[in-house]
PDB file of N, CA and C in Angstrom:
ATOM      1  N   MET A   1       0.825  -1.195   0.000  1.00  0.00           N
ATOM      2  CA  MET A   1       0.000   0.000   0.000  1.00  0.00           C
ATOM      3  C   MET A   1       0.867   1.255   0.000  1.00  0.00           C
ATOM      4  N   THR A   2       1.806   1.382   0.957  1.00  0.00           N
ATOM      5  CA  THR A   2       2.652   2.571   0.978  1.00  0.00           C
ATOM      6  C   THR A   2       3.663   2.566  -0.154  1.00  0.00           C
ATOM      7  N   ALA A   3       3.901   1.406  -0.755  1.00  0.00           N
ATOM      8  CA  ALA A   3       4.833   1.343  -1.878  1.00  0.00           C
ATOM      9  C   ALA A   3       4.301   2.125  -3.074  1.00  0.00           C
ATOM     10  N   ASP A   4       2.986   2.290  -3.161  1.00  0.00           N
ATOM     11  CA  ASP A   4       2.378   3.039  -4.257  1.00  0.00           C
ATOM     12  C   ASP A   4       2.525   4.555  -4.078  1.00  0.00           C
ATOM     13  N   ILE A   5       2.817   4.988  -2.870  1.00  0.00           N
ATOM     14  CA  ILE A   5       2.942   6.417  -2.568  1.00  0.00           C
ATOM     15  C   ILE A   5       4.404   6.807  -2.709  1.00  0.00           C
ATOM     16  N   PRO A   6       4.702   7.860  -3.480  1.00  0.00           N
ATOM     17  CA  PRO A   6       6.093   8.278  -3.651  1.00  0.00           C
ATOM     18  C   PRO A   6       6.754   8.593  -2.299  1.00  0.00           C
ATOM     19  N   LEU A   7       8.039   8.263  -2.194  1.00  0.00           N
ATOM     20  CA  LEU A   7       8.783   8.484  -0.957  1.00  0.00           C
ATOM     21  C   LEU A   7       8.700   9.929  -0.499  1.00  0.00           C
ATOM     22  N   SER A   8       8.802  10.880  -1.416  1.00  0.00           N
ATOM     23  CA  SER A   8       8.763  12.298  -1.028  1.00  0.00           C
ATOM     24  C   SER A   8       7.436  12.643  -0.365  1.00  0.00           C
ATOM     25  N   ASP A   9       6.337  12.058  -0.831  1.00  0.00           N
ATOM     26  CA  ASP A   9       5.033  12.311  -0.210  1.00  0.00           C
ATOM     27  C   ASP A   9       4.956  11.682   1.171  1.00  0.00           C
ATOM     28  N   ARG A  10       5.517  10.492   1.332  1.00  0.00           N
ATOM     29  CA  ARG A  10       5.490   9.831   2.631  1.00  0.00           C
ATOM     30  C   ARG A  10       6.295  10.617   3.653  1.00  0.00           C
ATOM     31  N   LEU A  11       7.414  11.203   3.241  1.00  0.00           N
ATOM     32  CA  LEU A  11       8.256  11.960   4.175  1.00  0.00           C
ATOM     33  C   LEU A  11       7.571  13.238   4.636  1.00  0.00           C
ATOM     34  N   ASP A  12       6.685  13.773   3.821  1.00  0.00           N
ATOM     35  CA  ASP A  12       5.957  14.984   4.192  1.00  0.00           C
ATOM     36  C   ASP A  12       4.704  14.688   5.008  1.00  0.00           C
ATOM     37  N   ASP A  13       4.326  13.429   5.117  1.00  0.00           N
ATOM     38  CA  ASP A  13       3.094  13.014   5.783  1.00  0.00           C
ATOM     39  C   ASP A  13       3.322  12.897   7.291  1.00  0.00           C
ATOM     40  N   ASP A  14       2.642  13.732   8.072  1.00  0.00           N
ATOM     41  CA  ASP A  14       2.769  13.692   9.534  1.00  0.00           C
ATOM     42  C   ASP A  14       2.309  12.372  10.130  1.00  0.00           C
ATOM     43  N   ASP A  15       1.493  11.629   9.407  1.00  0.00           N
ATOM     44  CA  ASP A  15       0.953  10.373   9.924  1.00  0.00           C
ATOM     45  C   ASP A  15       1.716   9.144   9.437  1.00  0.00           C
ATOM     46  N   TYR A  16       2.712   9.340   8.606  1.00  0.00           N
ATOM     47  CA  TYR A  16       3.474   8.195   8.098  1.00  0.00           C
ATOM     48  C   TYR A  16       4.370   7.648   9.212  1.00  0.00           C
ATOM     49  N   PRO A  17       4.285   6.353   9.502  1.00  0.00           N
ATOM     50  CA  PRO A  17       5.058   5.762  10.602  1.00  0.00           C
ATOM     51  C   PRO A  17       6.523   5.540  10.217  1.00  0.00           C
ATOM     52  N   ALA A  18       7.311   6.587  10.259  1.00  0.00           N
ATOM     53  CA  ALA A  18       8.671   6.553   9.741  1.00  0.00           C
ATOM     54  C   ALA A  18       9.731   6.202  10.786  1.00  0.00           C
ATOM     55  N   TYR A  19       9.391   6.270  12.073  1.00  0.00           N
ATOM     56  CA  TYR A  19      10.424   6.160  13.104  1.00  0.00           C
ATOM     57  C   TYR A  19      10.298   4.878  13.911  1.00  0.00           C
ATOM     58  N   THR A  20      11.415   4.194  14.071  1.00  0.00           N
ATOM     59  CA  THR A  20      11.447   3.009  14.925  1.00  0.00           C
ATOM     60  C   THR A  20      11.331   3.449  16.381  1.00  0.00           C
ATOM     61  N   MET A  21      11.050   2.508  17.252  1.00  0.00           N
ATOM     62  CA  MET A  21      10.952   2.836  18.667  1.00  0.00           C
ATOM     63  C   MET A  21      12.269   3.418  19.186  1.00  0.00           C
ATOM     64  N   GLY A  22      13.378   2.816  18.814  1.00  0.00           N
ATOM     65  CA  GLY A  22      14.674   3.313  19.281  1.00  0.00           C
ATOM     66  C   GLY A  22      14.940   4.728  18.818  1.00  0.00           C
ATOM     67  N   ARG A  23      14.673   4.998  17.552  1.00  0.00           N
ATOM     68  CA  ARG A  23      14.893   6.348  16.998  1.00  0.00           C
ATOM     69  C   ARG A  23      13.932   7.345  17.632  1.00  0.00           C
ATOM     70  N   ALA A  24      12.672   6.944  17.818  1.00  0.00           N
ATOM     71  CA  ALA A  24      11.693   7.837  18.440  1.00  0.00           C
ATOM     72  C   ALA A  24      12.110   8.177  19.863  1.00  0.00           C
ATOM     73  N   ALA A  25      12.539   7.177  20.623  1.00  0.00           N
ATOM     74  CA  ALA A  25      12.979   7.419  22.006  1.00  0.00           C
ATOM     75  C   ALA A  25      14.191   8.349  22.023  1.00  0.00           C
ATOM     76  N   GLU A  26      15.112   8.126  21.111  1.00  0.00           N
ATOM     77  CA  GLU A  26      16.305   8.977  21.018  1.00  0.00           C
ATOM     78  C   GLU A  26      15.919  10.418  20.712  1.00  0.00           C
ATOM     79  N   MET A  27      15.021  10.600  19.747  1.00  0.00           N
ATOM     80  CA  MET A  27      14.597  11.951  19.366  1.00  0.00           C
ATOM     81  C   MET A  27      13.921  12.675  20.527  1.00  0.00           C
ATOM     82  N   LEU A  28      13.169  11.932  21.348  1.00  0.00           N
ATOM     83  CA  LEU A  28      12.450  12.526  22.480  1.00  0.00           C
ATOM     84  C   LEU A  28      13.314  12.625  23.727  1.00  0.00           C
ATOM     85  N   GLY A  29      14.479  11.996  23.704  1.00  0.00           N
ATOM     86  CA  GLY A  29      15.339  11.989  24.882  1.00  0.00           C
ATOM     87  C   GLY A  29      14.729  11.173  26.012  1.00  0.00           C
ATOM     88  N   THR A  30      14.099  10.074  25.655  1.00  0.00           N
ATOM     89  CA  THR A  30      13.436   9.231  26.637  1.00  0.00           C
ATOM     90  C   THR A  30      13.811   7.777  26.371  1.00  0.00           C
ATOM     91  N   THR A  31      13.088   6.859  26.971  1.00  0.00           N
ATOM     92  CA  THR A  31      13.380   5.443  26.806  1.00  0.00           C
ATOM     93  C   THR A  31      12.262   4.755  26.024  1.00  0.00           C
ATOM     94  N   PRO A  32      12.562   3.609  25.433  1.00  0.00           N
ATOM     95  CA  PRO A  32      11.501   2.828  24.804  1.00  0.00           C
ATOM     96  C   PRO A  32      10.394   2.466  25.802  1.00  0.00           C
ATOM     97  N   ALA A  33      10.744   2.269  27.062  1.00  0.00           N
ATOM     98  CA  ALA A  33       9.738   1.939  28.080  1.00  0.00           C
ATOM     99  C   ALA A  33       8.720   3.072  28.221  1.00  0.00           C
ATOM    100  N   PHE A  34       9.173   4.316  28.105  1.00  0.00           N
ATOM    101  CA  PHE A  34       8.251   5.456  28.170  1.00  0.00           C
ATOM    102  C   PHE A  34       7.265   5.397  27.008  1.00  0.00           C
ATOM    103  N   LEU A  35       7.761   5.110  25.822  1.00  0.00           N
ATOM    104  CA  LEU A  35       6.884   5.013  24.652  1.00  0.00           C
ATOM    105  C   LEU A  35       5.900   3.850  24.803  1.00  0.00           C
ATOM    106  N   ARG A  36       6.367   2.739  25.342  1.00  0.00           N
ATOM    107  CA  ARG A  36       5.453   1.615  25.582  1.00  0.00           C
ATOM    108  C   ARG A  36       4.380   2.008  26.580  1.00  0.00           C
ATOM    109  N   ALA A  37       4.756   2.773  27.623  1.00  0.00           N
ATOM    110  CA  ALA A  37       3.788   3.224  28.625  1.00  0.00           C
ATOM    111  C   ALA A  37       2.732   4.131  27.996  1.00  0.00           C
ATOM    112  N   LEU A  38       3.136   4.974  27.063  1.00  0.00           N
ATOM    113  CA  LEU A  38       2.165   5.831  26.372  1.00  0.00           C
ATOM    114  C   LEU A  38       1.211   4.989  25.538  1.00  0.00           C
ATOM    115  N   GLY A  39       1.727   3.925  24.968  1.00  0.00           N
ATOM    116  CA  GLY A  39       0.878   3.004  24.216  1.00  0.00           C
ATOM    117  C   GLY A  39      -0.096   2.278  25.133  1.00  0.00           C
ATOM    118  N   GLU A  40       0.387   1.836  26.297  1.00  0.00           N
ATOM    119  CA  GLU A  40      -0.480   1.153  27.258  1.00  0.00           C
ATOM    120  C   GLU A  40      -1.569   2.087  27.783  1.00  0.00           C
ATOM    121  N   ALA A  41      -1.238   3.366  27.904  1.00  0.00           N
ATOM    122  CA  ALA A  41      -2.222   4.367  28.350  1.00  0.00           C
ATOM    123  C   ALA A  41      -3.123   4.804  27.200  1.00  0.00           C
ATOM    124  N   ARG A  42      -2.860   4.280  26.017  1.00  0.00           N
ATOM    125  CA  ARG A  42      -3.633   4.565  24.801  1.00  0.00           C
ATOM    126  C   ARG A  42      -3.557   6.024  24.353  1.00  0.00           C
ATOM    127  N   LEU A  43      -2.453   6.672  24.694  1.00  0.00           N
ATOM    128  CA  LEU A  43      -2.250   8.033  24.187  1.00  0.00           C
ATOM    129  C   LEU A  43      -1.842   7.963  22.723  1.00  0.00           C
ATOM    130  N   ILE A  44      -0.941   7.062  22.412  1.00  0.00           N
ATOM    131  CA  ILE A  44      -0.535   6.852  21.021  1.00  0.00           C
ATOM    132  C   ILE A  44      -0.561   5.349  20.748  1.00  0.00           C
ATOM    133  N   THR A  45      -0.887   5.006  19.528  1.00  0.00           N
ATOM    134  CA  THR A  45      -0.896   3.611  19.110  1.00  0.00           C
ATOM    135  C   THR A  45       0.018   3.494  17.904  1.00  0.00           C
ATOM    136  N   PRO A  46       1.237   3.036  18.124  1.00  0.00           N
ATOM    137  CA  PRO A  46       2.149   2.930  16.982  1.00  0.00           C
ATOM    138  C   PRO A  46       1.669   1.872  16.007  1.00  0.00           C
ATOM    139  N   LEU A  47       1.993   2.091  14.762  1.00  0.00           N
ATOM    140  CA  LEU A  47       1.720   1.067  13.762  1.00  0.00           C
ATOM    141  C   LEU A  47       2.805   0.013  13.878  1.00  0.00           C
ATOM    142  N   ARG A  48       2.542  -1.132  13.329  1.00  0.00           N
ATOM    143  CA  ARG A  48       3.516  -2.224  13.389  1.00  0.00           C
ATOM    144  C   ARG A  48       4.060  -2.508  11.999  1.00  0.00           C
ATOM    145  N   SER A  49       5.355  -2.745  11.937  1.00  0.00           N
ATOM    146  CA  SER A  49       5.976  -3.137  10.676  1.00  0.00           C
ATOM    147  C   SER A  49       5.570  -4.579  10.382  1.00  0.00           C
ATOM    148  N   GLU A  50       5.912  -5.063   9.198  1.00  0.00           N
ATOM    149  CA  GLU A  50       5.602  -6.446   8.855  1.00  0.00           C
ATOM    150  C   GLU A  50       6.243  -7.411   9.846  1.00  0.00           C
ATOM    151  N   GLY A  51       7.363  -7.024  10.417  1.00  0.00           N
ATOM    152  CA  GLY A  51       8.046  -7.858  11.403  1.00  0.00           C
ATOM    153  C   GLY A  51       7.514  -7.678  12.819  1.00  0.00           C
ATOM    154  N   GLY A  52       6.505  -6.812  12.990  1.00  0.00           N
ATOM    155  CA  GLY A  52       5.907  -6.604  14.302  1.00  0.00           C
ATOM    156  C   GLY A  52       6.533  -5.506  15.140  1.00  0.00           C
ATOM    157  N   HIS A  53       7.478  -4.770  14.566  1.00  0.00           N
ATOM    158  CA  HIS A  53       8.137  -3.697  15.309  1.00  0.00           C
ATOM    159  C   HIS A  53       7.301  -2.422  15.297  1.00  0.00           C
ATOM    160  N   ARG A  54       7.343  -1.685  16.388  1.00  0.00           N
ATOM    161  CA  ARG A  54       6.581  -0.445  16.496  1.00  0.00           C
ATOM    162  C   ARG A  54       7.196   0.628  15.600  1.00  0.00           C
ATOM    163  N   ARG A  55       6.314   1.408  14.961  1.00  0.00           N
ATOM    164  CA  ARG A  55       6.725   2.529  14.118  1.00  0.00           C
ATOM    165  C   ARG A  55       5.877   3.737  14.498  1.00  0.00           C
ATOM    166  N   TYR A  56       6.542   4.881  14.636  1.00  0.00           N
ATOM    167  CA  TYR A  56       5.878   6.103  15.086  1.00  0.00           C
ATOM    168  C   TYR A  56       5.908   7.178  14.008  1.00  0.00           C
ATOM    169  N   SER A  57       4.856   7.982  13.987  1.00  0.00           N
ATOM    170  CA  SER A  57       4.770   9.101  13.043  1.00  0.00           C
ATOM    171  C   SER A  57       5.240  10.380  13.734  1.00  0.00           C
ATOM    172  N   ARG A  58       5.455  11.422  12.936  1.00  0.00           N
ATOM    173  CA  ARG A  58       5.822  12.729  13.509  1.00  0.00           C
ATOM    174  C   ARG A  58       4.711  13.246  14.410  1.00  0.00           C
ATOM    175  N   TYR A  59       3.465  13.050  14.009  1.00  0.00           N
ATOM    176  CA  TYR A  59       2.333  13.478  14.841  1.00  0.00           C
ATOM    177  C   TYR A  59       2.383  12.775  16.197  1.00  0.00           C
ATOM    178  N   GLN A  60       2.616  11.485  16.202  1.00  0.00           N
ATOM    179  CA  GLN A  60       2.694  10.745  17.459  1.00  0.00           C
ATOM    180  C   GLN A  60       3.869  11.215  18.303  1.00  0.00           C
ATOM    181  N   LEU A  61       4.976  11.555  17.669  1.00  0.00           N
ATOM    182  CA  LEU A  61       6.128  12.052  18.421  1.00  0.00           C
ATOM    183  C   LEU A  61       5.838  13.396  19.058  1.00  0.00           C
ATOM    184  N   ARG A  62       5.063  14.244  18.391  1.00  0.00           N
ATOM    185  CA  ARG A  62       4.687  15.532  19.005  1.00  0.00           C
ATOM    186  C   ARG A  62       3.816  15.295  20.241  1.00  0.00           C
ATOM    187  N   ILE A  63       2.895  14.351  20.149  1.00  0.00           N
ATOM    188  CA  ILE A  63       2.037  14.026  21.286  1.00  0.00           C
ATOM    189  C   ILE A  63       2.883  13.461  22.429  1.00  0.00           C
ATOM    190  N   ALA A  64       3.794  12.557  22.098  1.00  0.00           N
ATOM    191  CA  ALA A  64       4.663  11.959  23.115  1.00  0.00           C
ATOM    192  C   ALA A  64       5.543  13.021  23.770  1.00  0.00           C
ATOM    193  N   ALA A  65       6.017  13.988  22.980  1.00  0.00           N
ATOM    194  CA  ALA A  65       6.849  15.057  23.531  1.00  0.00           C
ATOM    195  C   ALA A  65       6.068  15.900  24.527  1.00  0.00           C
ATOM    196  N   ARG A  66       4.808  16.177  24.222  1.00  0.00           N
ATOM    197  CA  ARG A  66       3.968  16.948  25.151  1.00  0.00           C
ATOM    198  C   ARG A  66       3.762  16.167  26.450  1.00  0.00           C
ATOM    199  N   ALA A  67       3.509  14.866  26.335  1.00  0.00           N
ATOM    200  CA  ALA A  67       3.344  14.035  27.531  1.00  0.00           C
ATOM    201  C   ALA A  67       4.636  14.026  28.343  1.00  0.00           C
ATOM    202  N   ARG A  68       5.755  13.943  27.664  1.00  0.00           N
ATOM    203  CA  ARG A  68       7.036  13.939  28.369  1.00  0.00           C
ATOM    204  C   ARG A  68       7.250  15.238  29.140  1.00  0.00           C
ATOM    205  N   GLU A  69       6.876  16.364  28.536  1.00  0.00           N
ATOM    206  CA  GLU A  69       7.002  17.651  29.243  1.00  0.00           C
ATOM    207  C   GLU A  69       6.230  17.621  30.561  1.00  0.00           C
ATOM    208  N   LEU A  70       5.016  17.097  30.511  1.00  0.00           N
ATOM    209  CA  LEU A  70       4.185  17.033  31.715  1.00  0.00           C
ATOM    210  C   LEU A  70       4.771  16.084  32.750  1.00  0.00           C
ATOM    211  N   VAL A  71       5.234  14.929  32.297  1.00  0.00           N
ATOM    212  CA  VAL A  71       5.836  13.954  33.216  1.00  0.00           C
ATOM    213  C   VAL A  71       7.106  14.531  33.838  1.00  0.00           C
ATOM    214  N   ASP A  72       7.893  15.240  33.041  1.00  0.00           N
ATOM    215  CA  ASP A  72       9.120  15.858  33.564  1.00  0.00           C
ATOM    216  C   ASP A  72       8.818  16.895  34.644  1.00  0.00           C
ATOM    217  N   ARG A  73       7.614  17.466  34.610  1.00  0.00           N
ATOM    218  CA  ARG A  73       7.204  18.453  35.629  1.00  0.00           C
ATOM    219  C   ARG A  73       6.562  17.792  36.842  1.00  0.00           C
ATOM    220  N   GLY A  74       6.516  16.459  36.833  1.00  0.00           N
ATOM    221  CA  GLY A  74       6.000  15.743  37.991  1.00  0.00           C
ATOM    222  C   GLY A  74       4.589  15.197  37.856  1.00  0.00           C
ATOM    223  N   THR A  75       3.983  15.351  36.699  1.00  0.00           N
ATOM    224  CA  THR A  75       2.632  14.830  36.481  1.00  0.00           C
ATOM    225  C   THR A  75       2.714  13.319  36.276  1.00  0.00           C
ATOM    226  N   PRO A  76       1.894  12.539  36.976  1.00  0.00           N
ATOM    227  CA  PRO A  76       1.890  11.092  36.733  1.00  0.00           C
ATOM    228  C   PRO A  76       1.553  10.802  35.267  1.00  0.00           C
ATOM    229  N   ILE A  77       2.119   9.744  34.724  1.00  0.00           N
ATOM    230  CA  ILE A  77       1.973   9.453  33.301  1.00  0.00           C
ATOM    231  C   ILE A  77       0.514   9.308  32.887  1.00  0.00           C
ATOM    232  N   GLU A  78      -0.310   8.662  33.708  1.00  0.00           N
ATOM    233  CA  GLU A  78      -1.730   8.498  33.358  1.00  0.00           C
ATOM    234  C   GLU A  78      -2.416   9.858  33.252  1.00  0.00           C
ATOM    235  N   ALA A  79      -2.112  10.749  34.205  1.00  0.00           N
ATOM    236  CA  ALA A  79      -2.699  12.093  34.185  1.00  0.00           C
ATOM    237  C   ALA A  79      -2.165  12.889  32.992  1.00  0.00           C
ATOM    238  N   ALA A  80      -0.884  12.749  32.702  1.00  0.00           N
ATOM    239  CA  ALA A  80      -0.301  13.461  31.560  1.00  0.00           C
ATOM    240  C   ALA A  80      -0.981  13.028  30.269  1.00  0.00           C
ATOM    241  N   CYS A  81      -1.220  11.745  30.131  1.00  0.00           N
ATOM    242  CA  CYS A  81      -1.885  11.243  28.929  1.00  0.00           C
ATOM    243  C   CYS A  81      -3.293  11.812  28.824  1.00  0.00           C
ATOM    244  N   ARG A  82      -4.005  11.848  29.924  1.00  0.00           N
ATOM    245  CA  ARG A  82      -5.371  12.394  29.909  1.00  0.00           C
ATOM    246  C   ARG A  82      -5.356  13.883  29.553  1.00  0.00           C
ATOM    247  N   ILE A  83      -4.417  14.614  30.095  1.00  0.00           N
ATOM    248  CA  ILE A  83      -4.298  16.047  29.789  1.00  0.00           C
ATOM    249  C   ILE A  83      -4.046  16.253  28.298  1.00  0.00           C
ATOM    250  N   VAL A  84      -3.128  15.480  27.738  1.00  0.00           N
ATOM    251  CA  VAL A  84      -2.800  15.621  26.318  1.00  0.00           C
ATOM    252  C   VAL A  84      -4.017  15.278  25.457  1.00  0.00           C
ATOM    253  N   ILE A  85      -4.743  14.233  25.820  1.00  0.00           N
ATOM    254  CA  ILE A  85      -5.954  13.871  25.082  1.00  0.00           C
ATOM    255  C   ILE A  85      -6.973  15.002  25.138  1.00  0.00           C
ATOM    256  N   LEU A  86      -7.173  15.566  26.320  1.00  0.00           N
ATOM    257  CA  LEU A  86      -8.142  16.664  26.461  1.00  0.00           C
ATOM    258  C   LEU A  86      -7.696  17.907  25.700  1.00  0.00           C
ATOM    259  N   GLU A  87      -6.406  18.200  25.727  1.00  0.00           N
ATOM    260  CA  GLU A  87      -5.896  19.345  24.958  1.00  0.00           C
ATOM    261  C   GLU A  87      -6.150  19.142  23.467  1.00  0.00           C
ATOM    262  N   ASP A  88      -5.917  17.926  22.998  1.00  0.00           N
ATOM    263  CA  ASP A  88      -6.129  17.606  21.588  1.00  0.00           C
ATOM    264  C   ASP A  88      -7.611  17.726  21.222  1.00  0.00           C
ATOM    265  N   GLN A  89      -8.489  17.234  22.092  1.00  0.00           N
ATOM    266  CA  GLN A  89      -9.926  17.338  21.847  1.00  0.00           C
ATOM    267  C   GLN A  89     -10.380  18.794  21.839  1.00  0.00           C
ATOM    268  N   LEU A  90      -9.843  19.594  22.762  1.00  0.00           N
ATOM    269  CA  LEU A  90     -10.189  21.011  22.810  1.00  0.00           C
ATOM    270  C   LEU A  90      -9.742  21.722  21.536  1.00  0.00           C
ATOM    271  N   GLU A  91      -8.531  21.438  21.096  1.00  0.00           N
ATOM    272  CA  GLU A  91      -8.026  22.064  19.866  1.00  0.00           C
ATOM    273  C   GLU A  91      -8.915  21.716  18.673  1.00  0.00           C
ATOM    274  N   GLU A  92      -9.319  20.461  18.582  1.00  0.00           N
ATOM    275  CA  GLU A  92     -10.190  20.027  17.478  1.00  0.00           C
ATOM    276  C   GLU A  92     -11.551  20.703  17.571  1.00  0.00           C
ATOM    277  N   ALA A  93     -12.117  20.797  18.780  1.00  0.00           N
ATOM    278  CA  ALA A  93     -13.414  21.455  18.962  1.00  0.00           C
ATOM    279  C   ALA A  93     -13.328  22.930  18.576  1.00  0.00           C
ATOM    280  N   GLN A  94     -12.231  23.585  18.941  1.00  0.00           N
ATOM    281  CA  GLN A  94     -12.057  24.992  18.582  1.00  0.00           C
ATOM    282  C   GLN A  94     -11.924  25.160  17.074  1.00  0.00           C
ATOM    283  N   ARG A  95     -11.240  24.221  16.419  1.00  0.00           N
ATOM    284  CA  ARG A  95     -11.105  24.281  14.967  1.00  0.00           C
ATOM    285  C   ARG A  95     -12.470  24.123  14.300  1.00  0.00           C
ATOM    286  N   ILE A  96     -13.258  23.168  14.785  1.00  0.00           N
ATOM    287  CA  ILE A  96     -14.599  22.942  14.227  1.00  0.00           C
ATOM    288  C   ILE A  96     -15.482  24.158  14.473  1.00  0.00           C
ATOM    289  N   ASN A  97     -15.413  24.730  15.665  1.00  0.00           N
ATOM    290  CA  ASN A  97     -16.207  25.905  16.007  1.00  0.00           C
ATOM    291  C   ASN A  97     -15.843  27.085  15.098  1.00  0.00           C
ATOM    292  N   ALA A  98     -14.552  27.271  14.867  1.00  0.00           N
ATOM    293  CA  ALA A  98     -14.113  28.363  13.982  1.00  0.00           C
ATOM    294  C   ALA A  98     -14.639  28.136  12.559  1.00  0.00           C
ATOM    295  N   GLU A  99     -14.656  26.887  12.120  1.00  0.00           N
ATOM    296  CA  GLU A  99     -15.173  26.572  10.786  1.00  0.00           C
ATOM    297  C   GLU A  99     -16.672  26.868  10.716  1.00  0.00           C
ATOM    298  N   TYR A 100     -17.416  26.489  11.748  1.00  0.00           N
ATOM    299  CA  TYR A 100     -18.857  26.796  11.780  1.00  0.00           C
ATOM    300  C   TYR A 100     -19.096  28.302  11.755  1.00  0.00           C
ATOM    301  N   ARG A 101     -18.311  29.038  12.511  1.00  0.00           N
ATOM    302  CA  ARG A 101     -18.455  30.502  12.530  1.00  0.00           C
ATOM    303  C   ARG A 101     -18.132  31.094  11.171  1.00  0.00           C
ATOM    304  N   ARG A 102     -17.084  30.564  10.539  1.00  0.00           N
ATOM    305  CA  ARG A 102     -16.713  31.064   9.215  1.00  0.00           C
ATOM    306  C   ARG A 102     -17.850  30.818   8.233  1.00  0.00           C
ATOM    307  N   ARG A 103     -18.415  29.626   8.270  1.00  0.00           N
ATOM    308  CA  ARG A 103     -19.517  29.294   7.363  1.00  0.00           C
ATOM    309  C   ARG A 103     -20.745  30.144   7.666  1.00  0.00           C
ATOM    310  N   ALA A 104     -21.041  30.350   8.934  1.00  0.00           N
ATOM    311  CA  ALA A 104     -22.205  31.164   9.316  1.00  0.00           C
ATOM    312  C   ALA A 104     -22.016  32.600   8.843  1.00  0.00           C
ATOM    313  N   GLY A 105     -20.782  33.092   8.905  1.00  0.00           N
ATOM    314  CA  GLY A 105     -20.489  34.444   8.438  1.00  0.00           C
ATOM    315  C   GLY A 105     -20.657  34.588   6.939  1.00  0.00           C
ATOM    316  N   GLN A 106     -20.386  33.542   6.210  1.00  0.00           N
ATOM    317  CA  GLN A 106     -20.545  33.572   4.754  1.00  0.00           C
ATOM    318  C   GLN A 106     -22.017  33.515   4.364  1.00  0.00           C
ATOM    319  N   GLU A 107     -22.831  32.868   5.191  1.00  0.00           N
ATOM    320  CA  GLU A 107     -24.247  32.720   4.876  1.00  0.00           C
ATOM    321  C   GLU A 107     -25.067  33.929   5.290  1.00  0.00           C
ATOM    322  N   THR A 108     -24.511  34.776   6.156  1.00  0.00           N
ATOM    323  CA  THR A 108     -25.214  35.970   6.601  1.00  0.00           C
ATOM    324  C   THR A 108     -25.148  37.018   5.503  1.00  0.00           C
ATOM    325  N   PRO A 109     -26.320  37.548   5.080  1.00  0.00           N
ATOM    326  CA  PRO A 109     -26.290  38.569   4.020  1.00  0.00           C
ATOM    327  C   PRO A 109     -25.560  39.823   4.506  1.00  0.00           C
ATOM    328  N   ASP A 110     -24.842  40.430   3.613  1.00  0.00           N
ATOM    329  CA  ASP A 110     -24.122  41.676   3.904  1.00  0.00           C
ATOM    330  C   ASP A 110     -25.134  42.816   3.927  1.00  0.00           C
ATOM    331  N   ARG A 111     -25.396  43.334   5.089  1.00  0.00           N
ATOM    332  CA  ARG A 111     -26.413  44.374   5.267  1.00  0.00           C
ATOM    333  C   ARG A 111     -25.991  45.722   4.684  1.00  0.00           C
ATOM    334  N   SER A 112     -24.682  45.857   4.400  1.00  0.00           N
ATOM    335  CA  SER A 112     -24.220  47.142   3.845  1.00  0.00           C
ATOM    336  C   SER A 112     -24.282  47.147   2.325  1.00  0.00           C
ATOM    337  N   ALA A 113     -24.554  45.992   1.739  1.00  0.00           N
ATOM    338  CA  ALA A 113     -24.589  45.921   0.275  1.00  0.00           C
ATOM    339  C   ALA A 113     -25.848  46.618  -0.242  1.00  0.00           C
ATOM    340  N   PRO A 114     -25.775  47.245  -1.412  1.00  0.00           N
ATOM    341  CA  PRO A 114     -26.946  47.917  -1.976  1.00  0.00           C
ATOM    342  C   PRO A 114     -28.079  46.916  -2.178  1.00  0.00           C
ATOM    343  N   GLY A 115     -29.270  47.311  -1.813  1.00  0.00           N
ATOM    344  CA  GLY A 115     -30.444  46.495  -1.995  1.00  0.00           C
ATOM    345  C   GLY A 115     -30.664  45.453  -0.924  1.00  0.00           C
ATOM    346  N   SER A 116     -29.906  45.488   0.174  1.00  0.00           N
ATOM    347  CA  SER A 116     -30.088  44.492   1.223  1.00  0.00           C
ATOM    348  C   SER A 116     -30.634  45.145   2.476  1.00  0.00           C
ATOM    349  N   SER A 117     -31.777  45.746   2.372  1.00  0.00           N
ATOM    350  CA  SER A 117     -32.385  46.427   3.517  1.00  0.00           C
ATOM    351  C   SER A 117     -33.114  45.494   4.403  1.00  0.00           C
TER     352      SER A 117
END
């Protein structure tokens, strides 16, 4: 499936599982055990290679980095995962709300236009 997608497109894809567990842990300055704990808490679900090895995307690494920041400040990992999930849900809700407002603004007639009394 991914073989049909050009390599340059896959490298630009935030969801493409490009990083091994070891490389992801190195990039985050953490351990593979931390990444496994995030998976157990269901914050991130790495994809598996054909050989069964975990692979992480850039998007997942950003989420893991945010969780690590919270854990480094003393937040228990379960709480950090919940906070990150809620932050992500809030961001998505705000994006949807902004889209609804934008659409509502487009549907509202311009009262200053000639003939729109």
